[in-house]
PDB file of all heavy atoms in Angstrom:
ATOM      1  N   TYR A   1      -1.487   5.796   2.803  1.00  0.00           N
ATOM      2  CA  TYR A   1      -1.946   5.243   4.060  1.00  0.00           C
ATOM      3  C   TYR A   1      -0.931   5.490   5.152  1.00  0.00           C
ATOM      4  O   TYR A   1      -1.263   5.979   6.255  1.00  0.00           O
ATOM      5  CB  TYR A   1      -2.178   3.729   3.927  1.00  0.00           C
ATOM      6  CG  TYR A   1      -2.421   3.050   5.278  1.00  0.00           C
ATOM      7  CD1 TYR A   1      -3.586   3.253   5.927  1.00  0.00           C
ATOM      8  CD2 TYR A   1      -1.415   2.320   5.838  1.00  0.00           C
ATOM      9  CE1 TYR A   1      -3.790   2.595   7.208  1.00  0.00           C
ATOM     10  CE2 TYR A   1      -1.561   1.691   7.082  1.00  0.00           C
ATOM     11  CZ  TYR A   1      -2.788   1.839   7.757  1.00  0.00           C
ATOM     12  OH  TYR A   1      -2.910   1.276   8.965  1.00  0.00           O
ATOM     13  N   LEU A   2       0.391   5.248   4.890  1.00  0.00           N
ATOM     14  CA  LEU A   2       1.426   5.410   5.891  1.00  0.00           C
ATOM     15  C   LEU A   2       1.534   6.891   6.260  1.00  0.00           C
ATOM     16  O   LEU A   2       1.631   7.228   7.384  1.00  0.00           O
ATOM     17  CB  LEU A   2       2.776   4.854   5.338  1.00  0.00           C
ATOM     18  CG  LEU A   2       2.803   3.404   5.158  1.00  0.00           C
ATOM     19  CD1 LEU A   2       4.151   2.993   4.449  1.00  0.00           C
ATOM     20  CD2 LEU A   2       2.594   2.612   6.451  1.00  0.00           C
ATOM     21  N   ASP A   3       1.471   7.776   5.246  1.00  0.00           N
ATOM     22  CA  ASP A   3       1.575   9.203   5.514  1.00  0.00           C
ATOM     23  C   ASP A   3       0.417   9.708   6.332  1.00  0.00           C
ATOM     24  O   ASP A   3       0.589  10.428   7.266  1.00  0.00           O
ATOM     25  CB  ASP A   3       1.606   9.990   4.181  1.00  0.00           C
ATOM     26  CG  ASP A   3       2.956   9.828   3.468  1.00  0.00           C
ATOM     27  OD1 ASP A   3       3.933   9.289   3.980  1.00  0.00           O
ATOM     28  OD2 ASP A   3       2.986  10.198   2.247  1.00  0.00           O
ATOM     29  N   SER A   4      -0.781   9.257   5.994  1.00  0.00           N
ATOM     30  CA  SER A   4      -1.954   9.775   6.718  1.00  0.00           C
ATOM     31  C   SER A   4      -2.025   9.250   8.170  1.00  0.00           C
ATOM     32  O   SER A   4      -2.632   9.917   8.988  1.00  0.00           O
ATOM     33  CB  SER A   4      -3.268   9.322   5.992  1.00  0.00           C
ATOM     34  OG  SER A   4      -3.452   7.992   6.126  1.00  0.00           O
ATOM     35  N   ASN A   5      -1.318   8.167   8.431  1.00  0.00           N
ATOM     36  CA  ASN A   5      -1.274   7.635   9.777  1.00  0.00           C
ATOM     37  C   ASN A   5       0.055   7.983  10.448  1.00  0.00           C
ATOM     38  O   ASN A   5       0.346   7.454  11.549  1.00  0.00           O
ATOM     39  CB  ASN A   5      -1.524   6.121   9.775  1.00  0.00           C
ATOM     40  CG  ASN A   5      -2.928   5.812   9.460  1.00  0.00           C
ATOM     41  OD1 ASN A   5      -3.828   5.901  10.326  1.00  0.00           O
ATOM     42  ND2 ASN A   5      -3.224   5.407   8.307  1.00  0.00           N
ATOM     43  N   LYS A   6       0.813   8.794   9.817  1.00  0.00           N
ATOM     44  CA  LYS A   6       2.138   9.254  10.319  1.00  0.00           C
ATOM     45  C   LYS A   6       3.049   8.122  10.776  1.00  0.00           C
ATOM     46  O   LYS A   6       3.773   8.172  11.688  1.00  0.00           O
ATOM     47  CB  LYS A   6       1.930  10.239  11.507  1.00  0.00           C
ATOM     48  CG  LYS A   6       1.166  11.473  11.114  1.00  0.00           C
ATOM     49  CD  LYS A   6       0.881  12.436  12.349  1.00  0.00           C
ATOM     50  CE  LYS A   6       0.196  13.641  11.961  1.00  0.00           C
ATOM     51  NZ  LYS A   6      -0.566  13.875  10.815  1.00  0.00           N
ATOM     52  N   ILE A   7       3.075   7.103   9.863  1.00  0.00           N
ATOM     53  CA  ILE A   7       3.955   5.957  10.099  1.00  0.00           C
ATOM     54  C   ILE A   7       5.182   6.203   9.271  1.00  0.00           C
ATOM     55  O   ILE A   7       5.141   6.316   8.004  1.00  0.00           O
ATOM     56  CB  ILE A   7       3.269   4.661   9.673  1.00  0.00           C
ATOM     57  CG1 ILE A   7       1.993   4.407  10.525  1.00  0.00           C
ATOM     58  CG2 ILE A   7       4.200   3.456   9.798  1.00  0.00           C
ATOM     59  CD1 ILE A   7       1.073   3.324  10.045  1.00  0.00           C
ATOM     60  N   THR A   8       6.275   6.264   9.888  1.00  0.00           N
ATOM     61  CA  THR A   8       7.541   6.569   9.222  1.00  0.00           C
ATOM     62  C   THR A   8       8.620   5.514   9.316  1.00  0.00           C
ATOM     63  O   THR A   8       9.621   5.613   8.628  1.00  0.00           O
ATOM     64  CB  THR A   8       8.125   7.987   9.729  1.00  0.00           C
ATOM     65  OG1 THR A   8       8.341   7.836  11.129  1.00  0.00           O
ATOM     66  CG2 THR A   8       7.160   9.037   9.397  1.00  0.00           C
ATOM     67  N   THR A   9       8.411   4.609  10.228  1.00  0.00           N
ATOM     68  CA  THR A   9       9.449   3.554  10.391  1.00  0.00           C
ATOM     69  C   THR A   9       8.799   2.164  10.381  1.00  0.00           C
ATOM     70  O   THR A   9       7.669   2.073  10.991  1.00  0.00           O
ATOM     71  CB  THR A   9      10.252   3.663  11.718  1.00  0.00           C
ATOM     72  OG1 THR A   9       9.366   3.696  12.774  1.00  0.00           O
ATOM     73  CG2 THR A   9      11.085   4.935  11.686  1.00  0.00           C
ATOM     74  N   PRO A  10       9.319   1.179   9.804  1.00  0.00           N
ATOM     75  CA  PRO A  10      10.434   1.245   8.866  1.00  0.00           C
ATOM     76  C   PRO A  10      10.084   2.173   7.687  1.00  0.00           C
ATOM     77  O   PRO A  10       8.927   2.455   7.427  1.00  0.00           O
ATOM     78  CB  PRO A  10      10.632  -0.114   8.351  1.00  0.00           C
ATOM     79  CG  PRO A  10       9.964  -1.017   9.370  1.00  0.00           C
ATOM     80  CD  PRO A  10       8.877  -0.181   9.957  1.00  0.00           C
ATOM     81  N   LEU A  11      11.092   2.598   6.995  1.00  0.00           N
ATOM     82  CA  LEU A  11      10.891   3.578   5.862  1.00  0.00           C
ATOM     83  C   LEU A  11       9.915   2.948   4.879  1.00  0.00           C
ATOM     84  O   LEU A  11       9.927   1.810   4.570  1.00  0.00           O
ATOM     85  CB  LEU A  11      12.198   3.871   5.164  1.00  0.00           C
ATOM     86  CG  LEU A  11      13.207   4.681   6.020  1.00  0.00           C
ATOM     87  CD1 LEU A  11      14.523   4.799   5.257  1.00  0.00           C
ATOM     88  CD2 LEU A  11      12.649   6.029   6.357  1.00  0.00           C
ATOM     89  N   PRO A  12       8.923   3.786   4.367  1.00  0.00           N
ATOM     90  CA  PRO A  12       7.942   3.316   3.416  1.00  0.00           C
ATOM     91  C   PRO A  12       8.551   2.628   2.145  1.00  0.00           C
ATOM     92  O   PRO A  12       7.979   1.802   1.583  1.00  0.00           O
ATOM     93  CB  PRO A  12       7.140   4.563   3.069  1.00  0.00           C
ATOM     94  CG  PRO A  12       7.348   5.444   4.315  1.00  0.00           C
ATOM     95  CD  PRO A  12       8.697   5.201   4.711  1.00  0.00           C
ATOM     96  N   ASN A  13       9.796   3.162   1.758  1.00  0.00           N
ATOM     97  CA  ASN A  13      10.349   2.639   0.572  1.00  0.00           C
ATOM     98  C   ASN A  13      11.350   1.435   0.827  1.00  0.00           C
ATOM     99  O   ASN A  13      12.132   1.169  -0.037  1.00  0.00           O
ATOM    100  CB  ASN A  13      11.107   3.778  -0.201  1.00  0.00           C
ATOM    101  CG  ASN A  13      10.110   4.716  -0.792  1.00  0.00           C
ATOM    102  OD1 ASN A  13       9.014   4.400  -1.103  1.00  0.00           O
ATOM    103  ND2 ASN A  13      10.553   5.994  -0.985  1.00  0.00           N
ATOM    104  N   CYS A  14      11.254   0.792   1.990  1.00  0.00           N
ATOM    105  CA  CYS A  14      12.084  -0.373   2.223  1.00  0.00           C
ATOM    106  C   CYS A  14      11.642  -1.515   1.295  1.00  0.00           C
ATOM    107  O   CYS A  14      10.517  -1.612   0.885  1.00  0.00           O
ATOM    108  CB  CYS A  14      12.053  -0.738   3.692  1.00  0.00           C
ATOM    109  SG  CYS A  14      10.546  -1.480   4.222  1.00  0.00           S
ATOM    110  N   LEU A  15      12.601  -2.384   0.976  1.00  0.00           N
ATOM    111  CA  LEU A  15      12.342  -3.449   0.018  1.00  0.00           C
ATOM    112  C   LEU A  15      11.172  -4.342   0.486  1.00  0.00           C
ATOM    113  O   LEU A  15      10.392  -4.733  -0.362  1.00  0.00           O
ATOM    114  CB  LEU A  15      13.634  -4.335  -0.107  1.00  0.00           C
ATOM    115  CG  LEU A  15      13.535  -5.521  -1.039  1.00  0.00           C
ATOM    116  CD1 LEU A  15      13.251  -5.090  -2.471  1.00  0.00           C
ATOM    117  CD2 LEU A  15      14.852  -6.296  -0.993  1.00  0.00           C
ATOM    118  N   ALA A  16      11.065  -4.557   1.756  1.00  0.00           N
ATOM    119  CA  ALA A  16       9.919  -5.410   2.233  1.00  0.00           C
ATOM    120  C   ALA A  16       8.529  -4.818   1.938  1.00  0.00           C
ATOM    121  O   ALA A  16       7.566  -5.569   2.015  1.00  0.00           O
ATOM    122  CB  ALA A  16      10.125  -5.617   3.716  1.00  0.00           C
ATOM    123  N   ASN A  17       8.448  -3.577   1.607  1.00  0.00           N
ATOM    124  CA  ASN A  17       7.145  -2.945   1.342  1.00  0.00           C
ATOM    125  C   ASN A  17       6.895  -2.861  -0.133  1.00  0.00           C
ATOM    126  O   ASN A  17       5.940  -2.202  -0.524  1.00  0.00           O
ATOM    127  CB  ASN A  17       7.106  -1.585   2.005  1.00  0.00           C
ATOM    128  CG  ASN A  17       5.682  -1.022   2.006  1.00  0.00           C
ATOM    129  OD1 ASN A  17       4.671  -1.827   2.088  1.00  0.00           O
ATOM    130  ND2 ASN A  17       5.521   0.293   1.928  1.00  0.00           N
ATOM    131  N   PHE A  18       7.673  -3.506  -0.997  1.00  0.00           N
ATOM    132  CA  PHE A  18       7.439  -3.485  -2.396  1.00  0.00           C
ATOM    133  C   PHE A  18       6.980  -4.823  -2.980  1.00  0.00           C
ATOM    134  O   PHE A  18       7.402  -5.883  -2.480  1.00  0.00           O
ATOM    135  CB  PHE A  18       8.670  -3.010  -3.159  1.00  0.00           C
ATOM    136  CG  PHE A  18       8.883  -1.517  -3.194  1.00  0.00           C
ATOM    137  CD1 PHE A  18       9.720  -0.921  -2.255  1.00  0.00           C
ATOM    138  CD2 PHE A  18       8.130  -0.750  -4.052  1.00  0.00           C
ATOM    139  CE1 PHE A  18       9.870   0.438  -2.290  1.00  0.00           C
ATOM    140  CE2 PHE A  18       8.295   0.675  -4.049  1.00  0.00           C
ATOM    141  CZ  PHE A  18       9.180   1.220  -3.207  1.00  0.00           C
ATOM    142  N   CYS A  19       6.171  -4.730  -4.056  1.00  0.00           N
ATOM    143  CA  CYS A  19       5.793  -5.972  -4.799  1.00  0.00           C
ATOM    144  C   CYS A  19       5.704  -5.580  -6.217  1.00  0.00           C
ATOM    145  O   CYS A  19       5.608  -4.470  -6.606  1.00  0.00           O
ATOM    146  CB  CYS A  19       4.481  -6.546  -4.211  1.00  0.00           C
ATOM    147  SG  CYS A  19       3.035  -5.491  -4.542  1.00  0.00           S
ATOM    148  N   PHE A  20       5.587  -6.640  -7.061  1.00  0.00           N
ATOM    149  CA  PHE A  20       5.311  -6.443  -8.475  1.00  0.00           C
ATOM    150  C   PHE A  20       3.769  -6.455  -8.577  1.00  0.00           C
ATOM    151  O   PHE A  20       3.100  -7.390  -8.100  1.00  0.00           O
ATOM    152  CB  PHE A  20       5.840  -7.601  -9.353  1.00  0.00           C
ATOM    153  CG  PHE A  20       7.385  -7.606  -9.330  1.00  0.00           C
ATOM    154  CD1 PHE A  20       8.047  -8.512  -8.675  1.00  0.00           C
ATOM    155  CD2 PHE A  20       8.072  -6.680 -10.102  1.00  0.00           C
ATOM    156  CE1 PHE A  20       9.473  -8.603  -8.653  1.00  0.00           C
ATOM    157  CE2 PHE A  20       9.429  -6.629 -10.103  1.00  0.00           C
ATOM    158  CZ  PHE A  20      10.132  -7.685  -9.414  1.00  0.00           C
ATOM    159  N   MET A  21       3.240  -5.416  -9.278  1.00  0.00           N
ATOM    160  CA  MET A  21       1.807  -5.378  -9.511  1.00  0.00           C
ATOM    161  C   MET A  21       1.517  -4.485 -10.638  1.00  0.00           C
ATOM    162  O   MET A  21       2.179  -3.477 -10.882  1.00  0.00           O
ATOM    163  CB  MET A  21       1.160  -4.762  -8.246  1.00  0.00           C
ATOM    164  CG  MET A  21      -0.384  -4.677  -8.253  1.00  0.00           C
ATOM    165  SD  MET A  21      -1.156  -3.774  -6.883  1.00  0.00           S
ATOM    166  CE  MET A  21      -0.210  -4.282  -5.447  1.00  0.00           C
ATOM    167  N   ALA A  22       0.556  -4.851 -11.439  1.00  0.00           N
ATOM    168  CA  ALA A  22       0.222  -4.045 -12.546  1.00  0.00           C
ATOM    169  C   ALA A  22      -0.318  -2.673 -12.131  1.00  0.00           C
ATOM    170  O   ALA A  22      -0.986  -2.645 -11.049  1.00  0.00           O
ATOM    171  CB  ALA A  22      -0.939  -4.737 -13.400  1.00  0.00           C
ATOM    172  N   ARG A  23       0.000  -1.671 -12.802  1.00  0.00           N
ATOM    173  CA  ARG A  23      -0.383  -0.356 -12.416  1.00  0.00           C
ATOM    174  C   ARG A  23      -1.914  -0.208 -12.257  1.00  0.00           C
ATOM    175  O   ARG A  23      -2.382   0.459 -11.304  1.00  0.00           O
ATOM    176  CB  ARG A  23       0.062   0.707 -13.473  1.00  0.00           C
ATOM    177  CG  ARG A  23      -0.115   2.140 -13.092  1.00  0.00           C
ATOM    178  CD  ARG A  23       0.455   3.103 -14.085  1.00  0.00           C
ATOM    179  NE  ARG A  23       1.874   2.646 -14.468  1.00  0.00           N
ATOM    180  CZ  ARG A  23       2.428   3.036 -15.585  1.00  0.00           C
ATOM    181  NH1 ARG A  23       1.803   3.738 -16.483  1.00  0.00           N
ATOM    182  NH2 ARG A  23       3.623   2.616 -15.846  1.00  0.00           N
ATOM    183  N   LYS A  24      -2.652  -0.845 -13.102  1.00  0.00           N
ATOM    184  CA  LYS A  24      -4.104  -0.745 -13.018  1.00  0.00           C
ATOM    185  C   LYS A  24      -4.609  -1.316 -11.728  1.00  0.00           C
ATOM    186  O   LYS A  24      -5.460  -0.803 -11.042  1.00  0.00           O
ATOM    187  CB  LYS A  24      -4.772  -1.486 -14.224  1.00  0.00           C
ATOM    188  CG  LYS A  24      -6.301  -1.403 -14.158  1.00  0.00           C
ATOM    189  CD  LYS A  24      -6.933  -2.337 -15.132  1.00  0.00           C
ATOM    190  CE  LYS A  24      -8.436  -2.327 -15.032  1.00  0.00           C
ATOM    191  NZ  LYS A  24      -9.066  -2.378 -13.778  1.00  0.00           N
ATOM    192  N   ASP A  25      -4.072  -2.497 -11.361  1.00  0.00           N
ATOM    193  CA  ASP A  25      -4.481  -3.153 -10.085  1.00  0.00           C
ATOM    194  C   ASP A  25      -4.088  -2.249  -8.881  1.00  0.00           C
ATOM    195  O   ASP A  25      -4.830  -2.117  -7.973  1.00  0.00           O
ATOM    196  CB  ASP A  25      -3.756  -4.465  -9.927  1.00  0.00           C
ATOM    197  CG  ASP A  25      -4.265  -5.493 -10.908  1.00  0.00           C
ATOM    198  OD1 ASP A  25      -5.402  -5.335 -11.395  1.00  0.00           O
ATOM    199  OD2 ASP A  25      -3.482  -6.522 -11.142  1.00  0.00           O
ATOM    200  N   ASN A  26      -2.936  -1.599  -8.954  1.00  0.00           N
ATOM    201  CA  ASN A  26      -2.527  -0.773  -7.912  1.00  0.00           C
ATOM    202  C   ASN A  26      -3.462   0.435  -7.759  1.00  0.00           C
ATOM    203  O   ASN A  26      -3.870   0.820  -6.641  1.00  0.00           O
ATOM    204  CB  ASN A  26      -1.093  -0.229  -8.176  1.00  0.00           C
ATOM    205  CG  ASN A  26      -0.528   0.589  -6.989  1.00  0.00           C
ATOM    206  OD1 ASN A  26      -0.482   0.108  -5.853  1.00  0.00           O
ATOM    207  ND2 ASN A  26      -0.165   1.812  -7.286  1.00  0.00           N
ATOM    208  N   VAL A  27      -3.885   0.962  -8.901  1.00  0.00           N
ATOM    209  CA  VAL A  27      -4.831   2.160  -8.866  1.00  0.00           C
ATOM    210  C   VAL A  27      -6.176   1.687  -8.342  1.00  0.00           C
ATOM    211  O   VAL A  27      -6.838   2.309  -7.514  1.00  0.00           O
ATOM    212  CB  VAL A  27      -4.977   2.771 -10.268  1.00  0.00           C
ATOM    213  CG1 VAL A  27      -6.159   3.806 -10.315  1.00  0.00           C
ATOM    214  CG2 VAL A  27      -3.673   3.442 -10.675  1.00  0.00           C
ATOM    215  N   ASP A  28      -6.598   0.469  -8.748  1.00  0.00           N
ATOM    216  CA  ASP A  28      -7.899  -0.058  -8.295  1.00  0.00           C
ATOM    217  C   ASP A  28      -7.882  -0.248  -6.736  1.00  0.00           C
ATOM    218  O   ASP A  28      -8.941  -0.078  -6.118  1.00  0.00           O
ATOM    219  CB  ASP A  28      -8.236  -1.398  -8.983  1.00  0.00           C
ATOM    220  CG  ASP A  28      -8.617  -1.213 -10.445  1.00  0.00           C
ATOM    221  OD1 ASP A  28      -8.844  -0.072 -10.873  1.00  0.00           O
ATOM    222  OD2 ASP A  28      -8.610  -2.264 -11.161  1.00  0.00           O
ATOM    223  N   LEU A  29      -6.759  -0.728  -6.198  1.00  0.00           N
ATOM    224  CA  LEU A  29      -6.704  -0.950  -4.784  1.00  0.00           C
ATOM    225  C   LEU A  29      -6.701   0.330  -3.989  1.00  0.00           C
ATOM    226  O   LEU A  29      -7.212   0.389  -2.868  1.00  0.00           O
ATOM    227  CB  LEU A  29      -5.479  -1.793  -4.456  1.00  0.00           C
ATOM    228  CG  LEU A  29      -5.493  -3.276  -4.936  1.00  0.00           C
ATOM    229  CD1 LEU A  29      -4.260  -3.975  -4.527  1.00  0.00           C
ATOM    230  CD2 LEU A  29      -6.718  -4.006  -4.474  1.00  0.00           C
ATOM    231  N   GLY A  30      -6.084   1.357  -4.570  1.00  0.00           N
ATOM    232  CA  GLY A  30      -6.119   2.671  -3.876  1.00  0.00           C
ATOM    233  C   GLY A  30      -5.099   2.773  -2.788  1.00  0.00           C
ATOM    234  O   GLY A  30      -4.433   1.843  -2.427  1.00  0.00           O
ATOM    235  N   GLY A  31      -5.043   3.960  -2.161  1.00  0.00           N
ATOM    236  CA  GLY A  31      -4.106   4.239  -1.153  1.00  0.00           C
ATOM    237  C   GLY A  31      -4.620   4.047   0.222  1.00  0.00           C
ATOM    238  O   GLY A  31      -4.389   4.828   1.115  1.00  0.00           O
ATOM    239  N   VAL A  32      -5.334   2.907   0.435  1.00  0.00           N
ATOM    240  CA  VAL A  32      -6.017   2.656   1.721  1.00  0.00           C
ATOM    241  C   VAL A  32      -5.212   1.557   2.469  1.00  0.00           C
ATOM    242  O   VAL A  32      -4.325   0.906   1.945  1.00  0.00           O
ATOM    243  CB  VAL A  32      -7.440   2.295   1.571  1.00  0.00           C
ATOM    244  CG1 VAL A  32      -8.230   3.420   0.910  1.00  0.00           C
ATOM    245  CG2 VAL A  32      -7.567   0.990   0.699  1.00  0.00           C
ATOM    246  N   ALA A  33      -5.625   1.313   3.683  1.00  0.00           N
ATOM    247  CA  ALA A  33      -5.036   0.227   4.501  1.00  0.00           C
ATOM    248  C   ALA A  33      -5.189  -1.129   3.808  1.00  0.00           C
ATOM    249  O   ALA A  33      -6.190  -1.366   3.149  1.00  0.00           O
ATOM    250  CB  ALA A  33      -5.632   0.222   5.850  1.00  0.00           C
ATOM    251  N   PRO A  34      -4.270  -2.062   4.001  1.00  0.00           N
ATOM    252  CA  PRO A  34      -4.424  -3.380   3.464  1.00  0.00           C
ATOM    253  C   PRO A  34      -5.730  -4.034   3.834  1.00  0.00           C
ATOM    254  O   PRO A  34      -6.326  -4.732   3.044  1.00  0.00           O
ATOM    255  CB  PRO A  34      -3.201  -4.108   3.936  1.00  0.00           C
ATOM    256  CG  PRO A  34      -2.163  -3.038   4.099  1.00  0.00           C
ATOM    257  CD  PRO A  34      -2.907  -1.833   4.583  1.00  0.00           C
ATOM    258  N   SER A  35      -6.142  -3.870   5.074  1.00  0.00           N
ATOM    259  CA  SER A  35      -7.453  -4.451   5.491  1.00  0.00           C
ATOM    260  C   SER A  35      -8.623  -3.982   4.645  1.00  0.00           C
ATOM    261  O   SER A  35      -9.581  -4.683   4.451  1.00  0.00           O
ATOM    262  CB  SER A  35      -7.717  -4.223   6.957  1.00  0.00           C
ATOM    263  OG  SER A  35      -7.866  -2.857   7.176  1.00  0.00           O
ATOM    264  N   GLN A  36      -8.513  -2.748   4.139  1.00  0.00           N
ATOM    265  CA  GLN A  36      -9.568  -2.163   3.333  1.00  0.00           C
ATOM    266  C   GLN A  36      -9.439  -2.653   1.857  1.00  0.00           C
ATOM    267  O   GLN A  36     -10.438  -3.011   1.259  1.00  0.00           O
ATOM    268  CB  GLN A  36      -9.542  -0.656   3.351  1.00  0.00           C
ATOM    269  CG  GLN A  36      -9.943  -0.087   4.685  1.00  0.00           C
ATOM    270  CD  GLN A  36      -9.914   1.381   4.634  1.00  0.00           C
ATOM    271  OE1 GLN A  36      -8.813   1.990   4.824  1.00  0.00           O
ATOM    272  NE2 GLN A  36     -11.065   2.042   4.446  1.00  0.00           N
ATOM    273  N   TYR A  37      -8.233  -2.697   1.304  1.00  0.00           N
ATOM    274  CA  TYR A  37      -8.157  -3.197  -0.082  1.00  0.00           C
ATOM    275  C   TYR A  37      -8.312  -4.703  -0.191  1.00  0.00           C
ATOM    276  O   TYR A  37      -8.525  -5.226  -1.287  1.00  0.00           O
ATOM    277  CB  TYR A  37      -6.927  -2.633  -0.812  1.00  0.00           C
ATOM    278  CG  TYR A  37      -5.609  -3.117  -0.425  1.00  0.00           C
ATOM    279  CD1 TYR A  37      -5.143  -4.465  -0.623  1.00  0.00           C
ATOM    280  CD2 TYR A  37      -4.669  -2.181   0.007  1.00  0.00           C
ATOM    281  CE1 TYR A  37      -3.861  -4.795  -0.270  1.00  0.00           C
ATOM    282  CE2 TYR A  37      -3.327  -2.563   0.300  1.00  0.00           C
ATOM    283  CZ  TYR A  37      -2.903  -3.887   0.147  1.00  0.00           C
ATOM    284  OH  TYR A  37      -1.660  -4.234   0.442  1.00  0.00           O
ATOM    285  N   ARG A  38      -8.189  -5.389   0.951  1.00  0.00           N
ATOM    286  CA  ARG A  38      -8.412  -6.895   0.894  1.00  0.00           C
ATOM    287  C   ARG A  38      -9.728  -7.278   0.227  1.00  0.00           C
ATOM    288  O   ARG A  38      -9.806  -8.273  -0.504  1.00  0.00           O
ATOM    289  CB  ARG A  38      -8.248  -7.433   2.296  1.00  0.00           C
ATOM    290  CG  ARG A  38      -8.650  -8.904   2.468  1.00  0.00           C
ATOM    291  CD  ARG A  38      -7.704  -9.765   1.712  1.00  0.00           C
ATOM    292  NE  ARG A  38      -8.120 -11.192   1.801  1.00  0.00           N
ATOM    293  CZ  ARG A  38      -8.858 -11.773   0.891  1.00  0.00           C
ATOM    294  NH1 ARG A  38      -9.432 -11.145  -0.118  1.00  0.00           N
ATOM    295  NH2 ARG A  38      -9.164 -13.083   1.014  1.00  0.00           N
ATOM    296  N   SER A  39     -10.759  -6.505   0.502  1.00  0.00           N
ATOM    297  CA  SER A  39     -12.141  -6.858  -0.045  1.00  0.00           C
ATOM    298  C   SER A  39     -12.161  -6.709  -1.552  1.00  0.00           C
ATOM    299  O   SER A  39     -13.112  -7.241  -2.206  1.00  0.00           O
ATOM    300  CB  SER A  39     -13.178  -5.965   0.568  1.00  0.00           C
ATOM    301  OG  SER A  39     -12.964  -4.569   0.184  1.00  0.00           O
ATOM    302  N   LYS A  40     -11.211  -6.089  -2.189  1.00  0.00           N
ATOM    303  CA  LYS A  40     -11.178  -5.906  -3.661  1.00  0.00           C
ATOM    304  C   LYS A  40     -10.411  -7.022  -4.314  1.00  0.00           C
ATOM    305  O   LYS A  40     -10.286  -6.974  -5.472  1.00  0.00           O
ATOM    306  CB  LYS A  40     -10.617  -4.544  -3.989  1.00  0.00           C
ATOM    307  CG  LYS A  40     -11.368  -3.364  -3.456  1.00  0.00           C
ATOM    308  CD  LYS A  40     -10.689  -2.050  -3.832  1.00  0.00           C
ATOM    309  CE  LYS A  40     -11.443  -0.868  -3.243  1.00  0.00           C
ATOM    310  NZ  LYS A  40     -10.827   0.367  -3.540  1.00  0.00           N
ATOM    311  N   MET A  41      -9.835  -7.861  -3.538  1.00  0.00           N
ATOM    312  CA  MET A  41      -9.047  -8.947  -4.009  1.00  0.00           C
ATOM    313  C   MET A  41      -9.829 -10.241  -4.088  1.00  0.00           C
ATOM    314  O   MET A  41     -10.892 -10.379  -3.491  1.00  0.00           O
ATOM    315  CB  MET A  41      -7.795  -9.210  -3.093  1.00  0.00           C
ATOM    316  CG  MET A  41      -6.872  -7.946  -3.066  1.00  0.00           C
ATOM    317  SD  MET A  41      -5.479  -8.124  -1.861  1.00  0.00           S
ATOM    318  CE  MET A  41      -4.476  -9.290  -2.736  1.00  0.00           C
TER     319      MET A  41
END
């Protein structure tokens, strides 16, 4: 999502952008905007 929208700051790998999540859940949510994956939660 960040790459497709050319968002580079703060860095995508900053600590504030990480969470613990099962790999399956991460795959299910996909690489879309949070507003889009919210409906899957």
